[in-house]
Amino acid sequence: MHVEVETFLAALPPEKRALTDRLRALLHAAAPGLEERIKWNAPSFGDRVTLNYAPKGGMRVILHRGAKPHDLAGFAFADAGGTACWPSPDRGVVAIRDLADLEAKADALVALVGDWIPATR
């Protein structure tokens, strides 16, 4: 783990840290080998998946194709389980209220991220 990630995690309050750690473990299981770093003040994985802390609590898992806009011609991704909301064809958002909500969505989230990474390479 990078020092910047360790430093960031150490500063989180316990409840936020527990949710973050569980999400990180699921994302590492879904896509082993992705480099984790801090981006937009939250953990980010391989410039394809970024966590986002919701202002009123909980978190969002953002699926994207990087920081810069990409041409959508020829790009398609099917979220077979309907796990995410899709504000655009190449940006998905999975809202997580708390640890219980995360556990209920864990298998679907791992499958979704496992499909997303190779689809966006």
PDB file of N, CA and C in Angstrom:
ATOM      1  N   MET A   1       0.847  -1.178   0.000  1.00  0.00           N
ATOM      2  CA  MET A   1       0.000   0.000   0.000  1.00  0.00           C
ATOM      3  C   MET A   1       0.894   1.242   0.000  1.00  0.00           C
ATOM      4  N   HIS A   2       0.517   2.217  -0.786  1.00  0.00           N
ATOM      5  CA  HIS A   2       1.271   3.467  -0.856  1.00  0.00           C
ATOM      6  C   HIS A   2       1.160   4.236   0.454  1.00  0.00           C
ATOM      7  N   VAL A   3       2.180   5.016   0.759  1.00  0.00           N
ATOM      8  CA  VAL A   3       2.195   5.826   1.969  1.00  0.00           C
ATOM      9  C   VAL A   3       1.021   6.800   1.963  1.00  0.00           C
ATOM     10  N   GLU A   4       0.718   7.394   0.819  1.00  0.00           N
ATOM     11  CA  GLU A   4      -0.388   8.350   0.773  1.00  0.00           C
ATOM     12  C   GLU A   4      -1.714   7.687   1.122  1.00  0.00           C
ATOM     13  N   VAL A   5      -1.907   6.435   0.731  1.00  0.00           N
ATOM     14  CA  VAL A   5      -3.131   5.706   1.070  1.00  0.00           C
ATOM     15  C   VAL A   5      -3.152   5.424   2.565  1.00  0.00           C
ATOM     16  N   GLU A   6      -2.052   4.955   3.114  1.00  0.00           N
ATOM     17  CA  GLU A   6      -1.963   4.668   4.553  1.00  0.00           C
ATOM     18  C   GLU A   6      -2.253   5.925   5.370  1.00  0.00           C
ATOM     19  N   THR A   7      -1.667   7.035   4.965  1.00  0.00           N
ATOM     20  CA  THR A   7      -1.869   8.305   5.674  1.00  0.00           C
ATOM     21  C   THR A   7      -3.322   8.739   5.601  1.00  0.00           C
ATOM     22  N   PHE A   8      -3.911   8.625   4.432  1.00  0.00           N
ATOM     23  CA  PHE A   8      -5.311   8.999   4.259  1.00  0.00           C
ATOM     24  C   PHE A   8      -6.216   8.151   5.146  1.00  0.00           C
ATOM     25  N   LEU A   9      -6.023   6.835   5.108  1.00  0.00           N
ATOM     26  CA  LEU A   9      -6.868   5.918   5.878  1.00  0.00           C
ATOM     27  C   LEU A   9      -6.724   6.146   7.380  1.00  0.00           C
ATOM     28  N   ALA A  10      -5.521   6.431   7.834  1.00  0.00           N
ATOM     29  CA  ALA A  10      -5.277   6.645   9.258  1.00  0.00           C
ATOM     30  C   ALA A  10      -6.048   7.846   9.802  1.00  0.00           C
ATOM     31  N   ALA A  11      -6.355   8.804   8.948  1.00  0.00           N
ATOM     32  CA  ALA A  11      -7.049  10.014   9.378  1.00  0.00           C
ATOM     33  C   ALA A  11      -8.577   9.873   9.371  1.00  0.00           C
ATOM     34  N   LEU A  12      -9.102   8.769   8.859  1.00  0.00           N
ATOM     35  CA  LEU A  12     -10.558   8.596   8.792  1.00  0.00           C
ATOM     36  C   LEU A  12     -11.146   8.254  10.155  1.00  0.00           C
ATOM     37  N   PRO A  13     -12.359   8.757  10.444  1.00  0.00           N
ATOM     38  CA  PRO A  13     -13.040   8.329  11.663  1.00  0.00           C
ATOM     39  C   PRO A  13     -13.383   6.835  11.571  1.00  0.00           C
ATOM     40  N   PRO A  14     -13.529   6.149  12.703  1.00  0.00           N
ATOM     41  CA  PRO A  14     -13.694   4.689  12.707  1.00  0.00           C
ATOM     42  C   PRO A  14     -14.810   4.146  11.802  1.00  0.00           C
ATOM     43  N   GLU A  15     -15.988   4.739  11.817  1.00  0.00           N
ATOM     44  CA  GLU A  15     -17.087   4.220  10.994  1.00  0.00           C
ATOM     45  C   GLU A  15     -16.787   4.363   9.504  1.00  0.00           C
ATOM     46  N   LYS A  16     -16.260   5.505   9.127  1.00  0.00           N
ATOM     47  CA  LYS A  16     -15.899   5.725   7.723  1.00  0.00           C
ATOM     48  C   LYS A  16     -14.741   4.816   7.318  1.00  0.00           C
ATOM     49  N   ARG A  17     -13.823   4.591   8.236  1.00  0.00           N
ATOM     50  CA  ARG A  17     -12.687   3.709   7.965  1.00  0.00           C
ATOM     51  C   ARG A  17     -13.154   2.274   7.740  1.00  0.00           C
ATOM     52  N   ALA A  18     -14.086   1.801   8.564  1.00  0.00           N
ATOM     53  CA  ALA A  18     -14.585   0.428   8.425  1.00  0.00           C
ATOM     54  C   ALA A  18     -15.256   0.235   7.066  1.00  0.00           C
ATOM     55  N   LEU A  19     -16.081   1.182   6.652  1.00  0.00           N
ATOM     56  CA  LEU A  19     -16.751   1.092   5.354  1.00  0.00           C
ATOM     57  C   LEU A  19     -15.726   1.167   4.220  1.00  0.00           C
ATOM     58  N   THR A  20     -14.768   2.061   4.347  1.00  0.00           N
ATOM     59  CA  THR A  20     -13.722   2.209   3.332  1.00  0.00           C
ATOM     60  C   THR A  20     -12.896   0.936   3.208  1.00  0.00           C
ATOM     61  N   ASP A  21     -12.496   0.377   4.336  1.00  0.00           N
ATOM     62  CA  ASP A  21     -11.677  -0.843   4.298  1.00  0.00           C
ATOM     63  C   ASP A  21     -12.423  -2.002   3.652  1.00  0.00           C
ATOM     64  N   ARG A  22     -13.697  -2.149   3.967  1.00  0.00           N
ATOM     65  CA  ARG A  22     -14.471  -3.253   3.368  1.00  0.00           C
ATOM     66  C   ARG A  22     -14.630  -3.038   1.860  1.00  0.00           C
ATOM     67  N   LEU A  23     -14.908  -1.817   1.458  1.00  0.00           N
ATOM     68  CA  LEU A  23     -15.016  -1.523   0.018  1.00  0.00           C
ATOM     69  C   LEU A  23     -13.692  -1.781  -0.688  1.00  0.00           C
ATOM     70  N   ARG A  24     -12.602  -1.366  -0.085  1.00  0.00           N
ATOM     71  CA  ARG A  24     -11.282  -1.583  -0.678  1.00  0.00           C
ATOM     72  C   ARG A  24     -11.009  -3.070  -0.847  1.00  0.00           C
ATOM     73  N   ALA A  25     -11.351  -3.865   0.158  1.00  0.00           N
ATOM     74  CA  ALA A  25     -11.129  -5.311   0.076  1.00  0.00           C
ATOM     75  C   ALA A  25     -11.939  -5.913  -1.074  1.00  0.00           C
ATOM     76  N   LEU A  26     -13.182  -5.484  -1.232  1.00  0.00           N
ATOM     77  CA  LEU A  26     -14.019  -5.991  -2.330  1.00  0.00           C
ATOM     78  C   LEU A  26     -13.443  -5.582  -3.685  1.00  0.00           C
ATOM     79  N   LEU A  27     -12.983  -4.348  -3.797  1.00  0.00           N
ATOM     80  CA  LEU A  27     -12.437  -3.877  -5.068  1.00  0.00           C
ATOM     81  C   LEU A  27     -11.135  -4.590  -5.417  1.00  0.00           C
ATOM     82  N   HIS A  28     -10.303  -4.843  -4.424  1.00  0.00           N
ATOM     83  CA  HIS A  28      -9.074  -5.600  -4.681  1.00  0.00           C
ATOM     84  C   HIS A  28      -9.401  -7.036  -5.098  1.00  0.00           C
ATOM     85  N   ALA A  29     -10.452  -7.612  -4.525  1.00  0.00           N
ATOM     86  CA  ALA A  29     -10.871  -8.966  -4.910  1.00  0.00           C
ATOM     87  C   ALA A  29     -11.419  -8.979  -6.333  1.00  0.00           C
ATOM     88  N   ALA A  30     -12.142  -7.930  -6.706  1.00  0.00           N
ATOM     89  CA  ALA A  30     -12.758  -7.856  -8.032  1.00  0.00           C
ATOM     90  C   ALA A  30     -11.732  -7.625  -9.129  1.00  0.00           C
ATOM     91  N   ALA A  31     -10.708  -6.871  -8.818  1.00  0.00           N
ATOM     92  CA  ALA A  31      -9.714  -6.504  -9.836  1.00  0.00           C
ATOM     93  C   ALA A  31      -8.333  -6.476  -9.201  1.00  0.00           C
ATOM     94  N   PRO A  32      -7.773  -7.655  -8.921  1.00  0.00           N
ATOM     95  CA  PRO A  32      -6.447  -7.693  -8.304  1.00  0.00           C
ATOM     96  C   PRO A  32      -5.410  -7.016  -9.199  1.00  0.00           C
ATOM     97  N   GLY A  33      -4.479  -6.376  -8.567  1.00  0.00           N
ATOM     98  CA  GLY A  33      -3.394  -5.771  -9.328  1.00  0.00           C
ATOM     99  C   GLY A  33      -3.604  -4.326  -9.704  1.00  0.00           C
ATOM    100  N   LEU A  34      -4.812  -3.788  -9.486  1.00  0.00           N
ATOM    101  CA  LEU A  34      -5.007  -2.369  -9.786  1.00  0.00           C
ATOM    102  C   LEU A  34      -4.246  -1.536  -8.764  1.00  0.00           C
ATOM    103  N   GLU A  35      -3.576  -0.527  -9.245  1.00  0.00           N
ATOM    104  CA  GLU A  35      -2.842   0.359  -8.350  1.00  0.00           C
ATOM    105  C   GLU A  35      -3.826   1.240  -7.594  1.00  0.00           C
ATOM    106  N   GLU A  36      -3.662   1.285  -6.291  1.00  0.00           N
ATOM    107  CA  GLU A  36      -4.519   2.130  -5.456  1.00  0.00           C
ATOM    108  C   GLU A  36      -3.758   3.389  -5.081  1.00  0.00           C
ATOM    109  N   ARG A  37      -4.455   4.513  -5.181  1.00  0.00           N
ATOM    110  CA  ARG A  37      -3.866   5.787  -4.771  1.00  0.00           C
ATOM    111  C   ARG A  37      -4.990   6.693  -4.313  1.00  0.00           C
ATOM    112  N   ILE A  38      -4.661   7.859  -3.848  1.00  0.00           N
ATOM    113  CA  ILE A  38      -5.669   8.825  -3.430  1.00  0.00           C
ATOM    114  C   ILE A  38      -5.890   9.800  -4.581  1.00  0.00           C
ATOM    115  N   LYS A  39      -7.151   9.926  -4.973  1.00  0.00           N
ATOM    116  CA  LYS A  39      -7.530  10.820  -6.066  1.00  0.00           C
ATOM    117  C   LYS A  39      -8.867  11.448  -5.674  1.00  0.00           C
ATOM    118  N   TRP A  40      -9.000  12.720  -5.827  1.00  0.00           N
ATOM    119  CA  TRP A  40     -10.227  13.424  -5.459  1.00  0.00           C
ATOM    120  C   TRP A  40     -10.589  13.157  -3.998  1.00  0.00           C
ATOM    121  N   ASN A  41      -9.565  13.131  -3.150  1.00  0.00           N
ATOM    122  CA  ASN A  41      -9.709  12.969  -1.705  1.00  0.00           C
ATOM    123  C   ASN A  41     -10.396  11.659  -1.303  1.00  0.00           C
ATOM    124  N   ALA A  42     -10.070  10.592  -2.021  1.00  0.00           N
ATOM    125  CA  ALA A  42     -10.608   9.259  -1.707  1.00  0.00           C
ATOM    126  C   ALA A  42      -9.767   8.209  -2.434  1.00  0.00           C
ATOM    127  N   PRO A  43      -9.829   6.961  -1.987  1.00  0.00           N
ATOM    128  CA  PRO A  43      -9.113   5.905  -2.707  1.00  0.00           C
ATOM    129  C   PRO A  43      -9.628   5.735  -4.138  1.00  0.00           C
ATOM    130  N   SER A  44      -8.695   5.510  -5.041  1.00  0.00           N
ATOM    131  CA  SER A  44      -9.003   5.298  -6.453  1.00  0.00           C
ATOM    132  C   SER A  44      -8.190   4.105  -6.928  1.00  0.00           C
ATOM    133  N   PHE A  45      -8.757   3.341  -7.843  1.00  0.00           N
ATOM    134  CA  PHE A  45      -8.160   2.090  -8.285  1.00  0.00           C
ATOM    135  C   PHE A  45      -7.966   2.103  -9.797  1.00  0.00           C
ATOM    136  N   GLY A  46      -6.713   2.144 -10.222  1.00  0.00           N
ATOM    137  CA  GLY A  46      -6.382   2.014 -11.630  1.00  0.00           C
ATOM    138  C   GLY A  46      -7.030   3.009 -12.555  1.00  0.00           C
ATOM    139  N   ASP A  47      -7.388   4.181 -12.076  1.00  0.00           N
ATOM    140  CA  ASP A  47      -8.022   5.212 -12.902  1.00  0.00           C
ATOM    141  C   ASP A  47      -9.305   4.706 -13.564  1.00  0.00           C
ATOM    142  N   ARG A  48      -9.979   3.749 -12.926  1.00  0.00           N
ATOM    143  CA  ARG A  48     -11.232   3.208 -13.447  1.00  0.00           C
ATOM    144  C   ARG A  48     -12.335   3.142 -12.397  1.00  0.00           C
ATOM    145  N   VAL A  49     -11.932   3.094 -11.132  1.00  0.00           N
ATOM    146  CA  VAL A  49     -12.891   3.014 -10.029  1.00  0.00           C
ATOM    147  C   VAL A  49     -12.416   3.959  -8.930  1.00  0.00           C
ATOM    148  N   THR A  50     -13.299   4.864  -8.524  1.00  0.00           N
ATOM    149  CA  THR A  50     -12.946   5.822  -7.485  1.00  0.00           C
ATOM    150  C   THR A  50     -14.041   5.837  -6.434  1.00  0.00           C
ATOM    151  N   LEU A  51     -13.631   5.853  -5.179  1.00  0.00           N
ATOM    152  CA  LEU A  51     -14.594   5.985  -4.095  1.00  0.00           C
ATOM    153  C   LEU A  51     -14.892   7.458  -3.888  1.00  0.00           C
ATOM    154  N   ASN A  52     -16.096   7.737  -3.403  1.00  0.00           N
ATOM    155  CA  ASN A  52     -16.516   9.107  -3.168  1.00  0.00           C
ATOM    156  C   ASN A  52     -17.330   9.111  -1.885  1.00  0.00           C
ATOM    157  N   TYR A  53     -16.963   9.983  -0.952  1.00  0.00           N
ATOM    158  CA  TYR A  53     -17.679  10.080   0.312  1.00  0.00           C
ATOM    159  C   TYR A  53     -18.879  11.002   0.137  1.00  0.00           C
ATOM    160  N   ALA A  54     -20.060  10.459   0.384  1.00  0.00           N
ATOM    161  CA  ALA A  54     -21.287  11.245   0.245  1.00  0.00           C
ATOM    162  C   ALA A  54     -21.359  12.275   1.374  1.00  0.00           C
ATOM    163  N   PRO A  55     -21.819  13.481   1.072  1.00  0.00           N
ATOM    164  CA  PRO A  55     -21.843  14.539   2.091  1.00  0.00           C
ATOM    165  C   PRO A  55     -22.674  14.183   3.328  1.00  0.00           C
ATOM    166  N   LYS A  56     -23.721  13.405   3.162  1.00  0.00           N
ATOM    167  CA  LYS A  56     -24.589  13.071   4.299  1.00  0.00           C
ATOM    168  C   LYS A  56     -24.324  11.668   4.834  1.00  0.00           C
ATOM    169  N   GLY A  57     -23.159  11.114   4.528  1.00  0.00           N
ATOM    170  CA  GLY A  57     -22.817   9.783   4.997  1.00  0.00           C
ATOM    171  C   GLY A  57     -22.890   8.764   3.882  1.00  0.00           C
ATOM    172  N   GLY A  58     -22.287   7.624   4.116  1.00  0.00           N
ATOM    173  CA  GLY A  58     -22.233   6.600   3.086  1.00  0.00           C
ATOM    174  C   GLY A  58     -21.175   6.931   2.051  1.00  0.00           C
ATOM    175  N   MET A  59     -21.147   6.116   1.026  1.00  0.00           N
ATOM    176  CA  MET A  59     -20.147   6.287  -0.026  1.00  0.00           C
ATOM    177  C   MET A  59     -20.756   5.974  -1.374  1.00  0.00           C
ATOM    178  N   ARG A  60     -20.034   6.375  -2.394  1.00  0.00           N
ATOM    179  CA  ARG A  60     -20.380   6.013  -3.764  1.00  0.00           C
ATOM    180  C   ARG A  60     -19.154   5.372  -4.389  1.00  0.00           C
ATOM    181  N   VAL A  61     -19.396   4.360  -5.195  1.00  0.00           N
ATOM    182  CA  VAL A  61     -18.348   3.752  -6.001  1.00  0.00           C
ATOM    183  C   VAL A  61     -18.584   4.267  -7.413  1.00  0.00           C
ATOM    184  N   ILE A  62     -17.619   4.999  -7.942  1.00  0.00           N
ATOM    185  CA  ILE A  62     -17.738   5.604  -9.266  1.00  0.00           C
ATOM    186  C   ILE A  62     -16.943   4.765 -10.258  1.00  0.00           C
ATOM    187  N   LEU A  63     -17.622   4.259 -11.271  1.00  0.00           N
ATOM    188  CA  LEU A  63     -16.973   3.542 -12.368  1.00  0.00           C
ATOM    189  C   LEU A  63     -16.808   4.539 -13.502  1.00  0.00           C
ATOM    190  N   HIS A  64     -15.613   4.672 -13.998  1.00  0.00           N
ATOM    191  CA  HIS A  64     -15.360   5.670 -15.044  1.00  0.00           C
ATOM    192  C   HIS A  64     -14.227   5.187 -15.942  1.00  0.00           C
ATOM    193  N   ARG A  65     -13.938   5.952 -16.970  1.00  0.00           N
ATOM    194  CA  ARG A  65     -12.854   5.596 -17.897  1.00  0.00           C
ATOM    195  C   ARG A  65     -11.705   6.579 -17.808  1.00  0.00           C
ATOM    196  N   GLY A  66     -11.544   7.209 -16.672  1.00  0.00           N
ATOM    197  CA  GLY A  66     -10.468   8.166 -16.477  1.00  0.00           C
ATOM    198  C   GLY A  66     -11.016   9.563 -16.294  1.00  0.00           C
ATOM    199  N   ALA A  67     -10.129  10.505 -16.040  1.00  0.00           N
ATOM    200  CA  ALA A  67     -10.525  11.877 -15.753  1.00  0.00           C
ATOM    201  C   ALA A  67     -10.928  12.658 -17.003  1.00  0.00           C
ATOM    202  N   LYS A  68     -10.385  12.285 -18.143  1.00  0.00           N
ATOM    203  CA  LYS A  68     -10.674  13.015 -19.375  1.00  0.00           C
ATOM    204  C   LYS A  68     -11.848  12.376 -20.119  1.00  0.00           C
ATOM    205  N   PRO A  69     -12.663  13.185 -20.793  1.00  0.00           N
ATOM    206  CA  PRO A  69     -13.772  12.619 -21.572  1.00  0.00           C
ATOM    207  C   PRO A  69     -13.253  11.703 -22.688  1.00  0.00           C
ATOM    208  N   HIS A  70     -13.993  10.662 -22.961  1.00  0.00           N
ATOM    209  CA  HIS A  70     -13.657   9.717 -24.025  1.00  0.00           C
ATOM    210  C   HIS A  70     -14.787   9.671 -25.042  1.00  0.00           C
ATOM    211  N   ASP A  71     -14.428   9.374 -26.257  1.00  0.00           N
ATOM    212  CA  ASP A  71     -15.419   9.200 -27.310  1.00  0.00           C
ATOM    213  C   ASP A  71     -16.270   7.979 -26.973  1.00  0.00           C
ATOM    214  N   LEU A  72     -17.571   8.129 -27.049  1.00  0.00           N
ATOM    215  CA  LEU A  72     -18.482   7.025 -26.731  1.00  0.00           C
ATOM    216  C   LEU A  72     -18.768   6.140 -27.932  1.00  0.00           C
ATOM    217  N   ALA A  73     -18.326   6.552 -29.110  1.00  0.00           N
ATOM    218  CA  ALA A  73     -18.569   5.742 -30.309  1.00  0.00           C
ATOM    219  C   ALA A  73     -17.936   4.368 -30.133  1.00  0.00           C
ATOM    220  N   GLY A  74     -18.735   3.363 -30.268  1.00  0.00           N
ATOM    221  CA  GLY A  74     -18.246   1.996 -30.178  1.00  0.00           C
ATOM    222  C   GLY A  74     -18.118   1.468 -28.753  1.00  0.00           C
ATOM    223  N   PHE A  75     -18.392   2.307 -27.753  1.00  0.00           N
ATOM    224  CA  PHE A  75     -18.304   1.830 -26.370  1.00  0.00           C
ATOM    225  C   PHE A  75     -19.685   1.441 -25.872  1.00  0.00           C
ATOM    226  N   ALA A  76     -19.767   0.281 -25.294  1.00  0.00           N
ATOM    227  CA  ALA A  76     -21.009  -0.171 -24.666  1.00  0.00           C
ATOM    228  C   ALA A  76     -20.649  -1.037 -23.470  1.00  0.00           C
ATOM    229  N   PHE A  77     -21.423  -0.920 -22.428  1.00  0.00           N
ATOM    230  CA  PHE A  77     -21.221  -1.758 -21.251  1.00  0.00           C
ATOM    231  C   PHE A  77     -22.585  -2.128 -20.707  1.00  0.00           C
ATOM    232  N   ALA A  78     -22.777  -3.404 -20.454  1.00  0.00           N
ATOM    233  CA  ALA A  78     -24.059  -3.886 -19.933  1.00  0.00           C
ATOM    234  C   ALA A  78     -23.898  -4.225 -18.456  1.00  0.00           C
ATOM    235  N   ASP A  79     -24.644  -3.552 -17.629  1.00  0.00           N
ATOM    236  CA  ASP A  79     -24.712  -3.825 -16.198  1.00  0.00           C
ATOM    237  C   ASP A  79     -25.856  -4.813 -16.008  1.00  0.00           C
ATOM    238  N   ALA A  80     -25.567  -6.074 -16.218  1.00  0.00           N
ATOM    239  CA  ALA A  80     -26.596  -7.117 -16.236  1.00  0.00           C
ATOM    240  C   ALA A  80     -27.407  -7.156 -14.944  1.00  0.00           C
ATOM    241  N   GLY A  81     -26.773  -6.884 -13.821  1.00  0.00           N
ATOM    242  CA  GLY A  81     -27.479  -6.944 -12.546  1.00  0.00           C
ATOM    243  C   GLY A  81     -28.171  -5.648 -12.165  1.00  0.00           C
ATOM    244  N   GLY A  82     -27.974  -4.598 -12.956  1.00  0.00           N
ATOM    245  CA  GLY A  82     -28.579  -3.306 -12.628  1.00  0.00           C
ATOM    246  C   GLY A  82     -28.048  -2.741 -11.316  1.00  0.00           C
ATOM    247  N   THR A  83     -26.806  -3.014 -11.019  1.00  0.00           N
ATOM    248  CA  THR A  83     -26.204  -2.622  -9.748  1.00  0.00           C
ATOM    249  C   THR A  83     -25.967  -1.121  -9.648  1.00  0.00           C
ATOM    250  N   ALA A  84     -25.625  -0.494 -10.757  1.00  0.00           N
ATOM    251  CA  ALA A  84     -25.261   0.930 -10.757  1.00  0.00           C
ATOM    252  C   ALA A  84     -26.329   1.775 -11.427  1.00  0.00           C
ATOM    253  N   CYS A  85     -26.292   3.066 -11.111  1.00  0.00           N
ATOM    254  CA  CYS A  85     -27.024   4.077 -11.872  1.00  0.00           C
ATOM    255  C   CYS A  85     -26.028   4.581 -12.907  1.00  0.00           C
ATOM    256  N   TRP A  86     -26.497   4.894 -14.117  1.00  0.00           N
ATOM    257  CA  TRP A  86     -25.599   5.273 -15.203  1.00  0.00           C
ATOM    258  C   TRP A  86     -25.946   6.671 -15.722  1.00  0.00           C
ATOM    259  N   PRO A  87     -25.318   7.725 -15.166  1.00  0.00           N
ATOM    260  CA  PRO A  87     -25.565   9.073 -15.668  1.00  0.00           C
ATOM    261  C   PRO A  87     -25.099   9.272 -17.103  1.00  0.00           C
ATOM    262  N   SER A  88     -24.149   8.441 -17.538  1.00  0.00           N
ATOM    263  CA  SER A  88     -23.731   8.422 -18.938  1.00  0.00           C
ATOM    264  C   SER A  88     -23.298   6.980 -19.241  1.00  0.00           C
ATOM    265  N   PRO A  89     -23.174   6.623 -20.511  1.00  0.00           N
ATOM    266  CA  PRO A  89     -22.833   5.234 -20.845  1.00  0.00           C
ATOM    267  C   PRO A  89     -21.496   4.753 -20.280  1.00  0.00           C
ATOM    268  N   ASP A  90     -20.616   5.688 -19.942  1.00  0.00           N
ATOM    269  CA  ASP A  90     -19.313   5.275 -19.421  1.00  0.00           C
ATOM    270  C   ASP A  90     -19.030   5.811 -18.024  1.00  0.00           C
ATOM    271  N   ARG A  91     -20.092   6.028 -17.267  1.00  0.00           N
ATOM    272  CA  ARG A  91     -19.959   6.471 -15.878  1.00  0.00           C
ATOM    273  C   ARG A  91     -21.073   5.856 -15.051  1.00  0.00           C
ATOM    274  N   GLY A  92     -20.691   4.944 -14.176  1.00  0.00           N
ATOM    275  CA  GLY A  92     -21.655   4.292 -13.302  1.00  0.00           C
ATOM    276  C   GLY A  92     -21.428   4.689 -11.861  1.00  0.00           C
ATOM    277  N   VAL A  93     -22.507   4.703 -11.095  1.00  0.00           N
ATOM    278  CA  VAL A  93     -22.430   5.079  -9.685  1.00  0.00           C
ATOM    279  C   VAL A  93     -23.200   4.051  -8.863  1.00  0.00           C
ATOM    280  N   VAL A  94     -22.516   3.467  -7.889  1.00  0.00           N
ATOM    281  CA  VAL A  94     -23.154   2.551  -6.947  1.00  0.00           C
ATOM    282  C   VAL A  94     -23.158   3.244  -5.593  1.00  0.00           C
ATOM    283  N   ALA A  95     -24.348   3.528  -5.067  1.00  0.00           N
ATOM    284  CA  ALA A  95     -24.473   4.178  -3.760  1.00  0.00           C
ATOM    285  C   ALA A  95     -24.467   3.123  -2.665  1.00  0.00           C
ATOM    286  N   ILE A  96     -23.708   3.402  -1.617  1.00  0.00           N
ATOM    287  CA  ILE A  96     -23.592   2.511  -0.465  1.00  0.00           C
ATOM    288  C   ILE A  96     -23.955   3.329   0.776  1.00  0.00           C
ATOM    289  N   ARG A  97     -25.017   2.948   1.467  1.00  0.00           N
ATOM    290  CA  ARG A  97     -25.455   3.703   2.644  1.00  0.00           C
ATOM    291  C   ARG A  97     -24.594   3.429   3.878  1.00  0.00           C
ATOM    292  N   ASP A  98     -24.285   2.150   4.094  1.00  0.00           N
ATOM    293  CA  ASP A  98     -23.554   1.756   5.294  1.00  0.00           C
ATOM    294  C   ASP A  98     -23.015   0.340   5.089  1.00  0.00           C
ATOM    295  N   LEU A  99     -22.404  -0.227   6.124  1.00  0.00           N
ATOM    296  CA  LEU A  99     -21.821  -1.564   6.006  1.00  0.00           C
ATOM    297  C   LEU A  99     -22.866  -2.623   5.670  1.00  0.00           C
ATOM    298  N   ALA A 100     -24.050  -2.531   6.246  1.00  0.00           N
ATOM    299  CA  ALA A 100     -25.094  -3.518   5.960  1.00  0.00           C
ATOM    300  C   ALA A 100     -25.504  -3.446   4.488  1.00  0.00           C
ATOM    301  N   ASP A 101     -25.646  -2.245   3.970  1.00  0.00           N
ATOM    302  CA  ASP A 101     -25.993  -2.066   2.555  1.00  0.00           C
ATOM    303  C   ASP A 101     -24.872  -2.604   1.668  1.00  0.00           C
ATOM    304  N   LEU A 102     -23.631  -2.350   2.065  1.00  0.00           N
ATOM    305  CA  LEU A 102     -22.491  -2.853   1.298  1.00  0.00           C
ATOM    306  C   LEU A 102     -22.494  -4.378   1.264  1.00  0.00           C
ATOM    307  N   GLU A 103     -22.728  -5.011   2.395  1.00  0.00           N
ATOM    308  CA  GLU A 103     -22.742  -6.477   2.421  1.00  0.00           C
ATOM    309  C   GLU A 103     -23.849  -7.029   1.527  1.00  0.00           C
ATOM    310  N   ALA A 104     -24.989  -6.364   1.499  1.00  0.00           N
ATOM    311  CA  ALA A 104     -26.085  -6.808   0.640  1.00  0.00           C
ATOM    312  C   ALA A 104     -25.726  -6.691  -0.842  1.00  0.00           C
ATOM    313  N   LYS A 105     -24.869  -5.738  -1.183  1.00  0.00           N
ATOM    314  CA  LYS A 105     -24.482  -5.488  -2.573  1.00  0.00           C
ATOM    315  C   LYS A 105     -23.113  -6.077  -2.938  1.00  0.00           C
ATOM    316  N   ALA A 106     -22.443  -6.697  -1.990  1.00  0.00           N
ATOM    317  CA  ALA A 106     -21.044  -7.101  -2.172  1.00  0.00           C
ATOM    318  C   ALA A 106     -20.829  -7.985  -3.392  1.00  0.00           C
ATOM    319  N   ASP A 107     -21.574  -9.055  -3.527  1.00  0.00           N
ATOM    320  CA  ASP A 107     -21.365  -9.971  -4.662  1.00  0.00           C
ATOM    321  C   ASP A 107     -21.628  -9.278  -5.995  1.00  0.00           C
ATOM    322  N   ALA A 108     -22.699  -8.500  -6.049  1.00  0.00           N
ATOM    323  CA  ALA A 108     -23.025  -7.795  -7.291  1.00  0.00           C
ATOM    324  C   ALA A 108     -21.966  -6.752  -7.624  1.00  0.00           C
ATOM    325  N   LEU A 109     -21.445  -6.069  -6.599  1.00  0.00           N
ATOM    326  CA  LEU A 109     -20.417  -5.059  -6.825  1.00  0.00           C
ATOM    327  C   LEU A 109     -19.127  -5.692  -7.331  1.00  0.00           C
ATOM    328  N   VAL A 110     -18.722  -6.804  -6.741  1.00  0.00           N
ATOM    329  CA  VAL A 110     -17.512  -7.502  -7.191  1.00  0.00           C
ATOM    330  C   VAL A 110     -17.673  -7.944  -8.644  1.00  0.00           C
ATOM    331  N   ALA A 111     -18.824  -8.485  -8.986  1.00  0.00           N
ATOM    332  CA  ALA A 111     -19.070  -8.914 -10.371  1.00  0.00           C
ATOM    333  C   ALA A 111     -19.048  -7.723 -11.323  1.00  0.00           C
ATOM    334  N   LEU A 112     -19.686  -6.633 -10.932  1.00  0.00           N
ATOM    335  CA  LEU A 112     -19.738  -5.444 -11.776  1.00  0.00           C
ATOM    336  C   LEU A 112     -18.335  -4.888 -12.032  1.00  0.00           C
ATOM    337  N   VAL A 113     -17.560  -4.723 -10.993  1.00  0.00           N
ATOM    338  CA  VAL A 113     -16.207  -4.188 -11.153  1.00  0.00           C
ATOM    339  C   VAL A 113     -15.337  -5.171 -11.936  1.00  0.00           C
ATOM    340  N   GLY A 114     -15.512  -6.453 -11.678  1.00  0.00           N
ATOM    341  CA  GLY A 114     -14.765  -7.464 -12.424  1.00  0.00           C
ATOM    342  C   GLY A 114     -15.040  -7.420 -13.917  1.00  0.00           C
ATOM    343  N   ASP A 115     -16.250  -7.036 -14.298  1.00  0.00           N
ATOM    344  CA  ASP A 115     -16.597  -6.875 -15.716  1.00  0.00           C
ATOM    345  C   ASP A 115     -16.154  -5.520 -16.259  1.00  0.00           C
ATOM    346  N   TRP A 116     -16.235  -4.482 -15.419  1.00  0.00           N
ATOM    347  CA  TRP A 116     -15.929  -3.122 -15.844  1.00  0.00           C
ATOM    348  C   TRP A 116     -14.466  -2.932 -16.247  1.00  0.00           C
ATOM    349  N   ILE A 117     -13.572  -3.464 -15.459  1.00  0.00           N
ATOM    350  CA  ILE A 117     -12.141  -3.237 -15.709  1.00  0.00           C
ATOM    351  C   ILE A 117     -11.721  -3.718 -17.087  1.00  0.00           C
ATOM    352  N   PRO A 118     -11.979  -4.973 -17.472  1.00  0.00           N
ATOM    353  CA  PRO A 118     -11.550  -5.378 -18.822  1.00  0.00           C
ATOM    354  C   PRO A 118     -12.330  -4.662 -19.928  1.00  0.00           C
ATOM    355  N   ALA A 119     -13.564  -4.262 -19.662  1.00  0.00           N
ATOM    356  CA  ALA A 119     -14.365  -3.584 -20.695  1.00  0.00           C
ATOM    357  C   ALA A 119     -13.847  -2.185 -20.985  1.00  0.00           C
ATOM    358  N   THR A 120     -13.091  -1.608 -20.065  1.00  0.00           N
ATOM    359  CA  THR A 120     -12.641  -0.232 -20.238  1.00  0.00           C
ATOM    360  C   THR A 120     -11.150  -0.113 -20.522  1.00  0.00           C
ATOM    361  N   ARG A 121     -10.522  -1.211 -20.796  1.00  0.00           N
ATOM    362  CA  ARG A 121      -9.075  -1.149 -21.112  1.00  0.00           C
ATOM    363  C   ARG A 121      -8.846  -0.698 -22.516  1.00  0.00           C
TER     364      ARG A 121
END
